[in-house]
Amino acid sequence: MKIRVIAIAAVGAMAVVATPVRAGGSMSDMNMGDMKMSAPDTALTDAEVERIDAAHGMVTLKHGALENVGMAPMTMAFKTGDPAMIESLHVGDKVKVRVERVNGELTIVKLEKR
């Protein structure tokens, strides 16, 4: 009986020691040194501006694979999430973009000139 009680106590103690502890707050202020982390859901894709339709807030891009929306490389027109994105764009500009589904429509949510 003593051995059984000791075994049960040992198993219970291991469960307490092995229980993960969750930190409160966010990790945004965590110092990671020189380590750079890239979340795949925020990756930017290389593209080239083929056409600009400022009146409708549309940009036609020849783009690489847009993995987050399951799209192969192609040329396609996209709505811009913010009309200000296209103010400084010109046909032929090399850009990096993030496209997401916004209200069911493929939309450029981030655009950076290269």
PDB file of N, CA and C in Angstrom:
ATOM      1  N   MET A   1       0.816  -1.196   0.000  1.00  0.00           N
ATOM      2  CA  MET A   1       0.000   0.000   0.000  1.00  0.00           C
ATOM      3  C   MET A   1       0.859   1.259   0.000  1.00  0.00           C
ATOM      4  N   LYS A   2       1.981   1.241   0.792  1.00  0.00           N
ATOM      5  CA  LYS A   2       2.870   2.388   0.840  1.00  0.00           C
ATOM      6  C   LYS A   2       3.446   2.692  -0.535  1.00  0.00           C
ATOM      7  N   ILE A   3       3.826   1.665  -1.258  1.00  0.00           N
ATOM      8  CA  ILE A   3       4.428   1.849  -2.580  1.00  0.00           C
ATOM      9  C   ILE A   3       3.415   2.481  -3.534  1.00  0.00           C
ATOM     10  N   ARG A   4       2.180   2.035  -3.465  1.00  0.00           N
ATOM     11  CA  ARG A   4       1.124   2.583  -4.331  1.00  0.00           C
ATOM     12  C   ARG A   4       0.910   4.075  -4.030  1.00  0.00           C
ATOM     13  N   VAL A   5       0.875   4.456  -2.750  1.00  0.00           N
ATOM     14  CA  VAL A   5       0.676   5.856  -2.355  1.00  0.00           C
ATOM     15  C   VAL A   5       1.845   6.698  -2.838  1.00  0.00           C
ATOM     16  N   ILE A   6       3.060   6.206  -2.690  1.00  0.00           N
ATOM     17  CA  ILE A   6       4.245   6.936  -3.143  1.00  0.00           C
ATOM     18  C   ILE A   6       4.217   7.088  -4.668  1.00  0.00           C
ATOM     19  N   ALA A   7       3.837   6.034  -5.380  1.00  0.00           N
ATOM     20  CA  ALA A   7       3.770   6.094  -6.845  1.00  0.00           C
ATOM     21  C   ALA A   7       2.737   7.115  -7.295  1.00  0.00           C
ATOM     22  N   ILE A   8       1.585   7.137  -6.649  1.00  0.00           N
ATOM     23  CA  ILE A   8       0.528   8.095  -7.003  1.00  0.00           C
ATOM     24  C   ILE A   8       1.005   9.518  -6.706  1.00  0.00           C
ATOM     25  N   ALA A   9       1.670   9.718  -5.603  1.00  0.00           N
ATOM     26  CA  ALA A   9       2.188  11.040  -5.234  1.00  0.00           C
ATOM     27  C   ALA A   9       3.241  11.486  -6.241  1.00  0.00           C
ATOM     28  N   ALA A  10       4.088  10.577  -6.687  1.00  0.00           N
ATOM     29  CA  ALA A  10       5.136  10.914  -7.655  1.00  0.00           C
ATOM     30  C   ALA A  10       4.519  11.314  -8.992  1.00  0.00           C
ATOM     31  N   VAL A  11       3.525  10.597  -9.450  1.00  0.00           N
ATOM     32  CA  VAL A  11       2.848  10.927 -10.709  1.00  0.00           C
ATOM     33  C   VAL A  11       2.170  12.287 -10.603  1.00  0.00           C
ATOM     34  N   GLY A  12       1.523  12.553  -9.475  1.00  0.00           N
ATOM     35  CA  GLY A  12       0.877  13.849  -9.258  1.00  0.00           C
ATOM     36  C   GLY A  12       1.887  14.977  -9.260  1.00  0.00           C
ATOM     37  N   ALA A  13       3.044  14.772  -8.650  1.00  0.00           N
ATOM     38  CA  ALA A  13       4.086  15.800  -8.620  1.00  0.00           C
ATOM     39  C   ALA A  13       4.618  16.071 -10.019  1.00  0.00           C
ATOM     40  N   MET A  14       4.779  15.037 -10.823  1.00  0.00           N
ATOM     41  CA  MET A  14       5.260  15.225 -12.202  1.00  0.00           C
ATOM     42  C   MET A  14       4.251  16.013 -13.020  1.00  0.00           C
ATOM     43  N   ALA A  15       2.975  15.799 -12.819  1.00  0.00           N
ATOM     44  CA  ALA A  15       1.936  16.524 -13.552  1.00  0.00           C
ATOM     45  C   ALA A  15       2.004  18.006 -13.232  1.00  0.00           C
ATOM     46  N   VAL A  16       2.256  18.348 -11.984  1.00  0.00           N
ATOM     47  CA  VAL A  16       2.361  19.753 -11.588  1.00  0.00           C
ATOM     48  C   VAL A  16       3.595  20.381 -12.221  1.00  0.00           C
ATOM     49  N   VAL A  17       4.718  19.682 -12.204  1.00  0.00           N
ATOM     50  CA  VAL A  17       5.961  20.200 -12.765  1.00  0.00           C
ATOM     51  C   VAL A  17       5.848  20.358 -14.278  1.00  0.00           C
ATOM     52  N   ALA A  18       5.159  19.463 -14.959  1.00  0.00           N
ATOM     53  CA  ALA A  18       5.077  19.472 -16.409  1.00  0.00           C
ATOM     54  C   ALA A  18       3.997  20.401 -16.959  1.00  0.00           C
ATOM     55  N   THR A  19       3.200  21.021 -16.090  1.00  0.00           N
ATOM     56  CA  THR A  19       2.124  21.892 -16.549  1.00  0.00           C
ATOM     57  C   THR A  19       2.710  23.183 -17.103  1.00  0.00           C
ATOM     58  N   PRO A  20       2.403  23.544 -18.364  1.00  0.00           N
ATOM     59  CA  PRO A  20       2.955  24.768 -18.943  1.00  0.00           C
ATOM     60  C   PRO A  20       2.362  26.004 -18.270  1.00  0.00           C
ATOM     61  N   VAL A  21       3.166  27.041 -18.237  1.00  0.00           N
ATOM     62  CA  VAL A  21       2.727  28.303 -17.665  1.00  0.00           C
ATOM     63  C   VAL A  21       2.546  29.279 -18.818  1.00  0.00           C
ATOM     64  N   ARG A  22       1.426  29.956 -18.856  1.00  0.00           N
ATOM     65  CA  ARG A  22       1.155  30.926 -19.906  1.00  0.00           C
ATOM     66  C   ARG A  22       1.498  32.314 -19.396  1.00  0.00           C
ATOM     67  N   ALA A  23       2.243  33.045 -20.226  1.00  0.00           N
ATOM     68  CA  ALA A  23       2.607  34.412 -19.865  1.00  0.00           C
ATOM     69  C   ALA A  23       1.453  35.341 -20.168  1.00  0.00           C
ATOM     70  N   GLY A  24       1.271  36.342 -19.348  1.00  0.00           N
ATOM     71  CA  GLY A  24       0.239  37.336 -19.597  1.00  0.00           C
ATOM     72  C   GLY A  24       0.741  38.386 -20.566  1.00  0.00           C
ATOM     73  N   GLY A  25      -0.145  39.110 -21.203  1.00  0.00           N
ATOM     74  CA  GLY A  25       0.234  40.180 -22.118  1.00  0.00           C
ATOM     75  C   GLY A  25       0.618  39.662 -23.479  1.00  0.00           C
ATOM     76  N   SER A  26       1.183  40.575 -24.302  1.00  0.00           N
ATOM     77  CA  SER A  26       1.571  40.187 -25.653  1.00  0.00           C
ATOM     78  C   SER A  26       3.072  39.993 -25.734  1.00  0.00           C
ATOM     79  N   MET A  27       3.515  39.455 -26.838  1.00  0.00           N
ATOM     80  CA  MET A  27       4.939  39.240 -27.049  1.00  0.00           C
ATOM     81  C   MET A  27       5.544  40.346 -27.901  1.00  0.00           C
ATOM     82  N   SER A  28       4.784  41.408 -28.216  1.00  0.00           N
ATOM     83  CA  SER A  28       5.262  42.439 -29.122  1.00  0.00           C
ATOM     84  C   SER A  28       6.451  43.209 -28.571  1.00  0.00           C
ATOM     85  N   ASP A  29       6.607  43.265 -27.240  1.00  0.00           N
ATOM     86  CA  ASP A  29       7.723  44.004 -26.663  1.00  0.00           C
ATOM     87  C   ASP A  29       8.892  43.100 -26.287  1.00  0.00           C
ATOM     88  N   MET A  30       8.848  41.870 -26.739  1.00  0.00           N
ATOM     89  CA  MET A  30       9.872  40.903 -26.402  1.00  0.00           C
ATOM     90  C   MET A  30      11.131  41.159 -27.216  1.00  0.00           C
ATOM     91  N   ASN A  31      12.296  41.228 -26.584  1.00  0.00           N
ATOM     92  CA  ASN A  31      13.564  41.456 -27.271  1.00  0.00           C
ATOM     93  C   ASN A  31      14.089  40.131 -27.795  1.00  0.00           C
ATOM     94  N   MET A  32      14.199  40.033 -29.121  1.00  0.00           N
ATOM     95  CA  MET A  32      14.677  38.805 -29.747  1.00  0.00           C
ATOM     96  C   MET A  32      16.093  38.984 -30.290  1.00  0.00           C
ATOM     97  N   GLY A  33      16.782  40.058 -29.883  1.00  0.00           N
ATOM     98  CA  GLY A  33      18.139  40.287 -30.362  1.00  0.00           C
ATOM     99  C   GLY A  33      18.139  40.551 -31.850  1.00  0.00           C
ATOM    100  N   ASP A  34      19.058  39.917 -32.573  1.00  0.00           N
ATOM    101  CA  ASP A  34      19.165  40.104 -34.018  1.00  0.00           C
ATOM    102  C   ASP A  34      18.285  39.146 -34.795  1.00  0.00           C
ATOM    103  N   MET A  35      17.537  38.316 -34.096  1.00  0.00           N
ATOM    104  CA  MET A  35      16.730  37.310 -34.768  1.00  0.00           C
ATOM    105  C   MET A  35      15.551  37.962 -35.483  1.00  0.00           C
ATOM    106  N   LYS A  36      15.408  37.675 -36.776  1.00  0.00           N
ATOM    107  CA  LYS A  36      14.290  38.198 -37.550  1.00  0.00           C
ATOM    108  C   LYS A  36      13.309  37.077 -37.791  1.00  0.00           C
ATOM    109  N   MET A  37      12.051  37.344 -37.478  1.00  0.00           N
ATOM    110  CA  MET A  37      11.027  36.342 -37.680  1.00  0.00           C
ATOM    111  C   MET A  37      10.042  36.868 -38.697  1.00  0.00           C
ATOM    112  N   SER A  38       9.661  36.029 -39.629  1.00  0.00           N
ATOM    113  CA  SER A  38       8.701  36.425 -40.650  1.00  0.00           C
ATOM    114  C   SER A  38       7.511  35.499 -40.580  1.00  0.00           C
ATOM    115  N   ALA A  39       6.381  36.052 -40.252  1.00  0.00           N
ATOM    116  CA  ALA A  39       5.169  35.251 -40.208  1.00  0.00           C
ATOM    117  C   ALA A  39       4.678  35.037 -41.629  1.00  0.00           C
ATOM    118  N   PRO A  40       4.407  33.797 -42.021  1.00  0.00           N
ATOM    119  CA  PRO A  40       3.992  33.540 -43.396  1.00  0.00           C
ATOM    120  C   PRO A  40       2.697  34.247 -43.782  1.00  0.00           C
ATOM    121  N   ASP A  41       1.862  34.562 -42.804  1.00  0.00           N
ATOM    122  CA  ASP A  41       0.596  35.189 -43.147  1.00  0.00           C
ATOM    123  C   ASP A  41       0.745  36.685 -43.428  1.00  0.00           C
ATOM    124  N   THR A  42       1.961  37.234 -43.291  1.00  0.00           N
ATOM    125  CA  THR A  42       2.161  38.642 -43.587  1.00  0.00           C
ATOM    126  C   THR A  42       3.189  38.844 -44.699  1.00  0.00           C
ATOM    127  N   ALA A  43       3.552  37.780 -45.376  1.00  0.00           N
ATOM    128  CA  ALA A  43       4.573  37.863 -46.416  1.00  0.00           C
ATOM    129  C   ALA A  43       4.112  38.738 -47.581  1.00  0.00           C
ATOM    130  N   LEU A  44       5.073  39.441 -48.175  1.00  0.00           N
ATOM    131  CA  LEU A  44       4.807  40.265 -49.349  1.00  0.00           C
ATOM    132  C   LEU A  44       5.274  39.519 -50.593  1.00  0.00           C
ATOM    133  N   THR A  45       4.605  39.747 -51.699  1.00  0.00           N
ATOM    134  CA  THR A  45       4.889  39.078 -52.961  1.00  0.00           C
ATOM    135  C   THR A  45       5.396  40.092 -53.971  1.00  0.00           C
ATOM    136  N   ASP A  46       6.415  39.720 -54.740  1.00  0.00           N
ATOM    137  CA  ASP A  46       6.937  40.582 -55.799  1.00  0.00           C
ATOM    138  C   ASP A  46       5.908  40.710 -56.911  1.00  0.00           C
ATOM    139  N   ALA A  47       5.807  41.929 -57.447  1.00  0.00           N
ATOM    140  CA  ALA A  47       4.853  42.182 -58.532  1.00  0.00           C
ATOM    141  C   ALA A  47       5.339  43.364 -59.367  1.00  0.00           C
ATOM    142  N   GLU A  48       4.720  43.514 -60.540  1.00  0.00           N
ATOM    143  CA  GLU A  48       4.995  44.652 -61.409  1.00  0.00           C
ATOM    144  C   GLU A  48       3.658  45.272 -61.809  1.00  0.00           C
ATOM    145  N   VAL A  49       3.601  46.604 -61.766  1.00  0.00           N
ATOM    146  CA  VAL A  49       2.377  47.322 -62.109  1.00  0.00           C
ATOM    147  C   VAL A  49       2.202  47.305 -63.624  1.00  0.00           C
ATOM    148  N   GLU A  50       1.083  46.760 -64.087  1.00  0.00           N
ATOM    149  CA  GLU A  50       0.778  46.673 -65.519  1.00  0.00           C
ATOM    150  C   GLU A  50      -0.211  47.759 -65.959  1.00  0.00           C
ATOM    151  N   ARG A  51      -1.129  48.126 -65.066  1.00  0.00           N
ATOM    152  CA  ARG A  51      -2.171  49.109 -65.406  1.00  0.00           C
ATOM    153  C   ARG A  51      -2.686  49.728 -64.115  1.00  0.00           C
ATOM    154  N   ILE A  52      -3.089  51.004 -64.182  1.00  0.00           N
ATOM    155  CA  ILE A  52      -3.649  51.697 -63.023  1.00  0.00           C
ATOM    156  C   ILE A  52      -4.979  52.316 -63.435  1.00  0.00           C
ATOM    157  N   ASP A  53      -6.018  52.025 -62.673  1.00  0.00           N
ATOM    158  CA  ASP A  53      -7.342  52.610 -62.888  1.00  0.00           C
ATOM    159  C   ASP A  53      -7.710  53.350 -61.598  1.00  0.00           C
ATOM    160  N   ALA A  54      -7.188  54.578 -61.486  1.00  0.00           N
ATOM    161  CA  ALA A  54      -7.383  55.360 -60.261  1.00  0.00           C
ATOM    162  C   ALA A  54      -8.855  55.666 -60.015  1.00  0.00           C
ATOM    163  N   ALA A  55      -9.624  55.866 -61.071  1.00  0.00           N
ATOM    164  CA  ALA A  55     -11.044  56.192 -60.921  1.00  0.00           C
ATOM    165  C   ALA A  55     -11.804  55.094 -60.191  1.00  0.00           C
ATOM    166  N   HIS A  56     -11.390  53.854 -60.374  1.00  0.00           N
ATOM    167  CA  HIS A  56     -12.063  52.720 -59.729  1.00  0.00           C
ATOM    168  C   HIS A  56     -11.246  52.107 -58.599  1.00  0.00           C
ATOM    169  N   GLY A  57     -10.070  52.686 -58.301  1.00  0.00           N
ATOM    170  CA  GLY A  57      -9.223  52.157 -57.225  1.00  0.00           C
ATOM    171  C   GLY A  57      -8.692  50.775 -57.521  1.00  0.00           C
ATOM    172  N   MET A  58      -8.340  50.535 -58.797  1.00  0.00           N
ATOM    173  CA  MET A  58      -7.871  49.213 -59.216  1.00  0.00           C
ATOM    174  C   MET A  58      -6.444  49.304 -59.767  1.00  0.00           C
ATOM    175  N   VAL A  59      -5.678  48.247 -59.510  1.00  0.00           N
ATOM    176  CA  VAL A  59      -4.322  48.131 -60.043  1.00  0.00           C
ATOM    177  C   VAL A  59      -4.174  46.740 -60.646  1.00  0.00           C
ATOM    178  N   THR A  60      -3.695  46.685 -61.886  1.00  0.00           N
ATOM    179  CA  THR A  60      -3.417  45.394 -62.517  1.00  0.00           C
ATOM    180  C   THR A  60      -1.954  45.072 -62.260  1.00  0.00           C
ATOM    181  N   LEU A  61      -1.729  43.900 -61.679  1.00  0.00           N
ATOM    182  CA  LEU A  61      -0.382  43.463 -61.322  1.00  0.00           C
ATOM    183  C   LEU A  61      -0.014  42.167 -62.015  1.00  0.00           C
ATOM    184  N   LYS A  62       1.230  42.088 -62.450  1.00  0.00           N
ATOM    185  CA  LYS A  62       1.832  40.814 -62.862  1.00  0.00           C
ATOM    186  C   LYS A  62       2.551  40.359 -61.595  1.00  0.00           C
ATOM    187  N   HIS A  63       2.011  39.331 -60.938  1.00  0.00           N
ATOM    188  CA  HIS A  63       2.490  38.979 -59.608  1.00  0.00           C
ATOM    189  C   HIS A  63       2.968  37.544 -59.498  1.00  0.00           C
ATOM    190  N   GLY A  64       3.769  37.323 -58.461  1.00  0.00           N
ATOM    191  CA  GLY A  64       4.181  35.972 -58.110  1.00  0.00           C
ATOM    192  C   GLY A  64       3.038  35.271 -57.387  1.00  0.00           C
ATOM    193  N   ALA A  65       3.322  34.064 -56.909  1.00  0.00           N
ATOM    194  CA  ALA A  65       2.294  33.281 -56.204  1.00  0.00           C
ATOM    195  C   ALA A  65       1.817  34.013 -54.958  1.00  0.00           C
ATOM    196  N   LEU A  66       0.509  34.070 -54.802  1.00  0.00           N
ATOM    197  CA  LEU A  66      -0.114  34.653 -53.609  1.00  0.00           C
ATOM    198  C   LEU A  66      -0.617  33.476 -52.773  1.00  0.00           C
ATOM    199  N   GLU A  67       0.289  32.881 -52.035  1.00  0.00           N
ATOM    200  CA  GLU A  67      -0.001  31.633 -51.335  1.00  0.00           C
ATOM    201  C   GLU A  67      -1.119  31.761 -50.313  1.00  0.00           C
ATOM    202  N   ASN A  68      -1.229  32.908 -49.655  1.00  0.00           N
ATOM    203  CA  ASN A  68      -2.247  33.039 -48.616  1.00  0.00           C
ATOM    204  C   ASN A  68      -3.668  33.026 -49.176  1.00  0.00           C
ATOM    205  N   VAL A  69      -3.831  33.315 -50.465  1.00  0.00           N
ATOM    206  CA  VAL A  69      -5.156  33.246 -51.088  1.00  0.00           C
ATOM    207  C   VAL A  69      -5.214  32.147 -52.151  1.00  0.00           C
ATOM    208  N   GLY A  70      -4.184  31.312 -52.212  1.00  0.00           N
ATOM    209  CA  GLY A  70      -4.177  30.166 -53.117  1.00  0.00           C
ATOM    210  C   GLY A  70      -4.141  30.528 -54.590  1.00  0.00           C
ATOM    211  N   MET A  71      -3.363  31.548 -54.952  1.00  0.00           N
ATOM    212  CA  MET A  71      -3.332  32.002 -56.345  1.00  0.00           C
ATOM    213  C   MET A  71      -1.937  31.816 -56.938  1.00  0.00           C
ATOM    214  N   ALA A  72      -1.886  31.202 -58.102  1.00  0.00           N
ATOM    215  CA  ALA A  72      -0.634  31.019 -58.826  1.00  0.00           C
ATOM    216  C   ALA A  72      -0.193  32.347 -59.442  1.00  0.00           C
ATOM    217  N   PRO A  73       1.072  32.443 -59.862  1.00  0.00           N
ATOM    218  CA  PRO A  73       1.536  33.662 -60.539  1.00  0.00           C
ATOM    219  C   PRO A  73       0.689  33.940 -61.783  1.00  0.00           C
ATOM    220  N   MET A  74       0.318  35.203 -61.977  1.00  0.00           N
ATOM    221  CA  MET A  74      -0.483  35.605 -63.138  1.00  0.00           C
ATOM    222  C   MET A  74      -0.555  37.117 -63.199  1.00  0.00           C
ATOM    223  N   THR A  75      -1.290  37.632 -64.152  1.00  0.00           N
ATOM    224  CA  THR A  75      -1.572  39.065 -64.244  1.00  0.00           C
ATOM    225  C   THR A  75      -3.057  39.244 -63.977  1.00  0.00           C
ATOM    226  N   MET A  76      -3.370  40.139 -63.018  1.00  0.00           N
ATOM    227  CA  MET A  76      -4.760  40.310 -62.601  1.00  0.00           C
ATOM    228  C   MET A  76      -4.961  41.685 -61.984  1.00  0.00           C
ATOM    229  N   ALA A  77      -6.176  42.214 -62.114  1.00  0.00           N
ATOM    230  CA  ALA A  77      -6.535  43.497 -61.498  1.00  0.00           C
ATOM    231  C   ALA A  77      -7.031  43.257 -60.079  1.00  0.00           C
ATOM    232  N   PHE A  78      -6.602  44.122 -59.169  1.00  0.00           N
ATOM    233  CA  PHE A  78      -7.006  44.041 -57.770  1.00  0.00           C
ATOM    234  C   PHE A  78      -7.521  45.391 -57.301  1.00  0.00           C
ATOM    235  N   LYS A  79      -8.473  45.355 -56.414  1.00  0.00           N
ATOM    236  CA  LYS A  79      -8.951  46.546 -55.728  1.00  0.00           C
ATOM    237  C   LYS A  79      -7.869  46.949 -54.724  1.00  0.00           C
ATOM    238  N   THR A  80      -7.745  48.249 -54.463  1.00  0.00           N
ATOM    239  CA  THR A  80      -6.808  48.702 -53.442  1.00  0.00           C
ATOM    240  C   THR A  80      -7.578  48.984 -52.158  1.00  0.00           C
ATOM    241  N   GLY A  81      -7.015  48.567 -51.040  1.00  0.00           N
ATOM    242  CA  GLY A  81      -7.656  48.793 -49.751  1.00  0.00           C
ATOM    243  C   GLY A  81      -7.707  50.262 -49.390  1.00  0.00           C
ATOM    244  N   ASP A  82      -6.732  51.028 -49.894  1.00  0.00           N
ATOM    245  CA  ASP A  82      -6.655  52.462 -49.628  1.00  0.00           C
ATOM    246  C   ASP A  82      -6.304  53.146 -50.950  1.00  0.00           C
ATOM    247  N   PRO A  83      -7.169  54.020 -51.457  1.00  0.00           N
ATOM    248  CA  PRO A  83      -6.898  54.697 -52.736  1.00  0.00           C
ATOM    249  C   PRO A  83      -5.562  55.444 -52.749  1.00  0.00           C
ATOM    250  N   ALA A  84      -5.063  55.853 -51.599  1.00  0.00           N
ATOM    251  CA  ALA A  84      -3.777  56.557 -51.521  1.00  0.00           C
ATOM    252  C   ALA A  84      -2.612  55.675 -51.960  1.00  0.00           C
ATOM    253  N   MET A  85      -2.819  54.359 -51.946  1.00  0.00           N
ATOM    254  CA  MET A  85      -1.760  53.433 -52.368  1.00  0.00           C
ATOM    255  C   MET A  85      -1.309  53.691 -53.800  1.00  0.00           C
ATOM    256  N   ILE A  86      -2.218  54.142 -54.647  1.00  0.00           N
ATOM    257  CA  ILE A  86      -1.890  54.240 -56.070  1.00  0.00           C
ATOM    258  C   ILE A  86      -1.490  55.648 -56.520  1.00  0.00           C
ATOM    259  N   GLU A  87      -1.487  56.605 -55.601  1.00  0.00           N
ATOM    260  CA  GLU A  87      -1.166  57.982 -55.975  1.00  0.00           C
ATOM    261  C   GLU A  87       0.224  58.122 -56.590  1.00  0.00           C
ATOM    262  N   SER A  88       1.201  57.409 -56.069  1.00  0.00           N
ATOM    263  CA  SER A  88       2.576  57.548 -56.566  1.00  0.00           C
ATOM    264  C   SER A  88       2.999  56.402 -57.489  1.00  0.00           C
ATOM    265  N   LEU A  89       2.073  55.538 -57.866  1.00  0.00           N
ATOM    266  CA  LEU A  89       2.404  54.393 -58.736  1.00  0.00           C
ATOM    267  C   LEU A  89       2.441  54.790 -60.201  1.00  0.00           C
ATOM    268  N   HIS A  90       3.295  54.086 -60.935  1.00  0.00           N
ATOM    269  CA  HIS A  90       3.382  54.245 -62.384  1.00  0.00           C
ATOM    270  C   HIS A  90       3.458  52.861 -63.013  1.00  0.00           C
ATOM    271  N   VAL A  91       2.955  52.741 -64.229  1.00  0.00           N
ATOM    272  CA  VAL A  91       3.065  51.480 -64.965  1.00  0.00           C
ATOM    273  C   VAL A  91       4.547  51.132 -65.074  1.00  0.00           C
ATOM    274  N   GLY A  92       4.861  49.891 -64.784  1.00  0.00           N
ATOM    275  CA  GLY A  92       6.244  49.418 -64.831  1.00  0.00           C
ATOM    276  C   GLY A  92       6.926  49.398 -63.475  1.00  0.00           C
ATOM    277  N   ASP A  93       6.338  50.035 -62.456  1.00  0.00           N
ATOM    278  CA  ASP A  93       6.928  50.020 -61.114  1.00  0.00           C
ATOM    279  C   ASP A  93       7.017  48.594 -60.586  1.00  0.00           C
ATOM    280  N   LYS A  94       8.124  48.287 -59.952  1.00  0.00           N
ATOM    281  CA  LYS A  94       8.301  47.015 -59.247  1.00  0.00           C
ATOM    282  C   LYS A  94       7.832  47.250 -57.810  1.00  0.00           C
ATOM    283  N   VAL A  95       6.982  46.375 -57.333  1.00  0.00           N
ATOM    284  CA  VAL A  95       6.402  46.536 -56.001  1.00  0.00           C
ATOM    285  C   VAL A  95       6.403  45.206 -55.250  1.00  0.00           C
ATOM    286  N   LYS A  96       6.125  45.293 -53.972  1.00  0.00           N
ATOM    287  CA  LYS A  96       5.857  44.127 -53.127  1.00  0.00           C
ATOM    288  C   LYS A  96       4.459  44.343 -52.589  1.00  0.00           C
ATOM    289  N   VAL A  97       3.629  43.307 -52.624  1.00  0.00           N
ATOM    290  CA  VAL A  97       2.233  43.453 -52.224  1.00  0.00           C
ATOM    291  C   VAL A  97       1.790  42.344 -51.290  1.00  0.00           C
ATOM    292  N   ARG A  98       0.748  42.675 -50.556  1.00  0.00           N
ATOM    293  CA  ARG A  98       0.026  41.698 -49.739  1.00  0.00           C
ATOM    294  C   ARG A  98      -1.423  41.781 -50.172  1.00  0.00           C
ATOM    295  N   VAL A  99      -1.958  40.677 -50.674  1.00  0.00           N
ATOM    296  CA  VAL A  99      -3.346  40.617 -51.125  1.00  0.00           C
ATOM    297  C   VAL A  99      -4.109  39.708 -50.176  1.00  0.00           C
ATOM    298  N   GLU A 100      -5.288  40.157 -49.765  1.00  0.00           N
ATOM    299  CA  GLU A 100      -6.146  39.359 -48.881  1.00  0.00           C
ATOM    300  C   GLU A 100      -7.585  39.464 -49.367  1.00  0.00           C
ATOM    301  N   ARG A 101      -8.406  38.540 -48.909  1.00  0.00           N
ATOM    302  CA  ARG A 101      -9.843  38.616 -49.199  1.00  0.00           C
ATOM    303  C   ARG A 101     -10.479  39.560 -48.186  1.00  0.00           C
ATOM    304  N   VAL A 102     -11.056  40.647 -48.679  1.00  0.00           N
ATOM    305  CA  VAL A 102     -11.738  41.616 -47.831  1.00  0.00           C
ATOM    306  C   VAL A 102     -13.175  41.688 -48.327  1.00  0.00           C
ATOM    307  N   ASN A 103     -14.103  41.313 -47.485  1.00  0.00           N
ATOM    308  CA  ASN A 103     -15.524  41.249 -47.865  1.00  0.00           C
ATOM    309  C   ASN A 103     -15.716  40.444 -49.151  1.00  0.00           C
ATOM    310  N   GLY A 104     -14.970  39.343 -49.258  1.00  0.00           N
ATOM    311  CA  GLY A 104     -15.103  38.449 -50.399  1.00  0.00           C
ATOM    312  C   GLY A 104     -14.382  38.895 -51.649  1.00  0.00           C
ATOM    313  N   GLU A 105     -13.683  40.024 -51.614  1.00  0.00           N
ATOM    314  CA  GLU A 105     -13.011  40.543 -52.810  1.00  0.00           C
ATOM    315  C   GLU A 105     -11.502  40.586 -52.580  1.00  0.00           C
ATOM    316  N   LEU A 106     -10.727  40.090 -53.562  1.00  0.00           N
ATOM    317  CA  LEU A 106      -9.270  40.146 -53.459  1.00  0.00           C
ATOM    318  C   LEU A 106      -8.840  41.605 -53.480  1.00  0.00           C
ATOM    319  N   THR A 107      -8.137  42.007 -52.414  1.00  0.00           N
ATOM    320  CA  THR A 107      -7.801  43.414 -52.211  1.00  0.00           C
ATOM    321  C   THR A 107      -6.338  43.556 -51.811  1.00  0.00           C
ATOM    322  N   ILE A 108      -5.668  44.555 -52.373  1.00  0.00           N
ATOM    323  CA  ILE A 108      -4.300  44.870 -51.969  1.00  0.00           C
ATOM    324  C   ILE A 108      -4.395  45.586 -50.626  1.00  0.00           C
ATOM    325  N   VAL A 109      -3.848  44.960 -49.587  1.00  0.00           N
ATOM    326  CA  VAL A 109      -3.906  45.561 -48.258  1.00  0.00           C
ATOM    327  C   VAL A 109      -2.586  46.218 -47.870  1.00  0.00           C
ATOM    328  N   LYS A 110      -1.515  45.868 -48.591  1.00  0.00           N
ATOM    329  CA  LYS A 110      -0.211  46.491 -48.349  1.00  0.00           C
ATOM    330  C   LYS A 110       0.531  46.540 -49.669  1.00  0.00           C
ATOM    331  N   LEU A 111       1.175  47.674 -49.944  1.00  0.00           N
ATOM    332  CA  LEU A 111       1.919  47.839 -51.186  1.00  0.00           C
ATOM    333  C   LEU A 111       3.160  48.668 -50.888  1.00  0.00           C
ATOM    334  N   GLU A 112       4.319  48.158 -51.281  1.00  0.00           N
ATOM    335  CA  GLU A 112       5.585  48.863 -51.105  1.00  0.00           C
ATOM    336  C   GLU A 112       6.313  48.896 -52.431  1.00  0.00           C
ATOM    337  N   LYS A 113       6.838  50.076 -52.807  1.00  0.00           N
ATOM    338  CA  LYS A 113       7.682  50.153 -54.002  1.00  0.00           C
ATOM    339  C   LYS A 113       9.022  49.534 -53.680  1.00  0.00           C
ATOM    340  N   ARG A 114       9.603  48.836 -54.679  1.00  0.00           N
ATOM    341  CA  ARG A 114      10.925  48.241 -54.468  1.00  0.00           C
ATOM    342  C   ARG A 114      11.990  49.188 -54.929  1.00  0.00           C
TER     343      ARG A 114
END
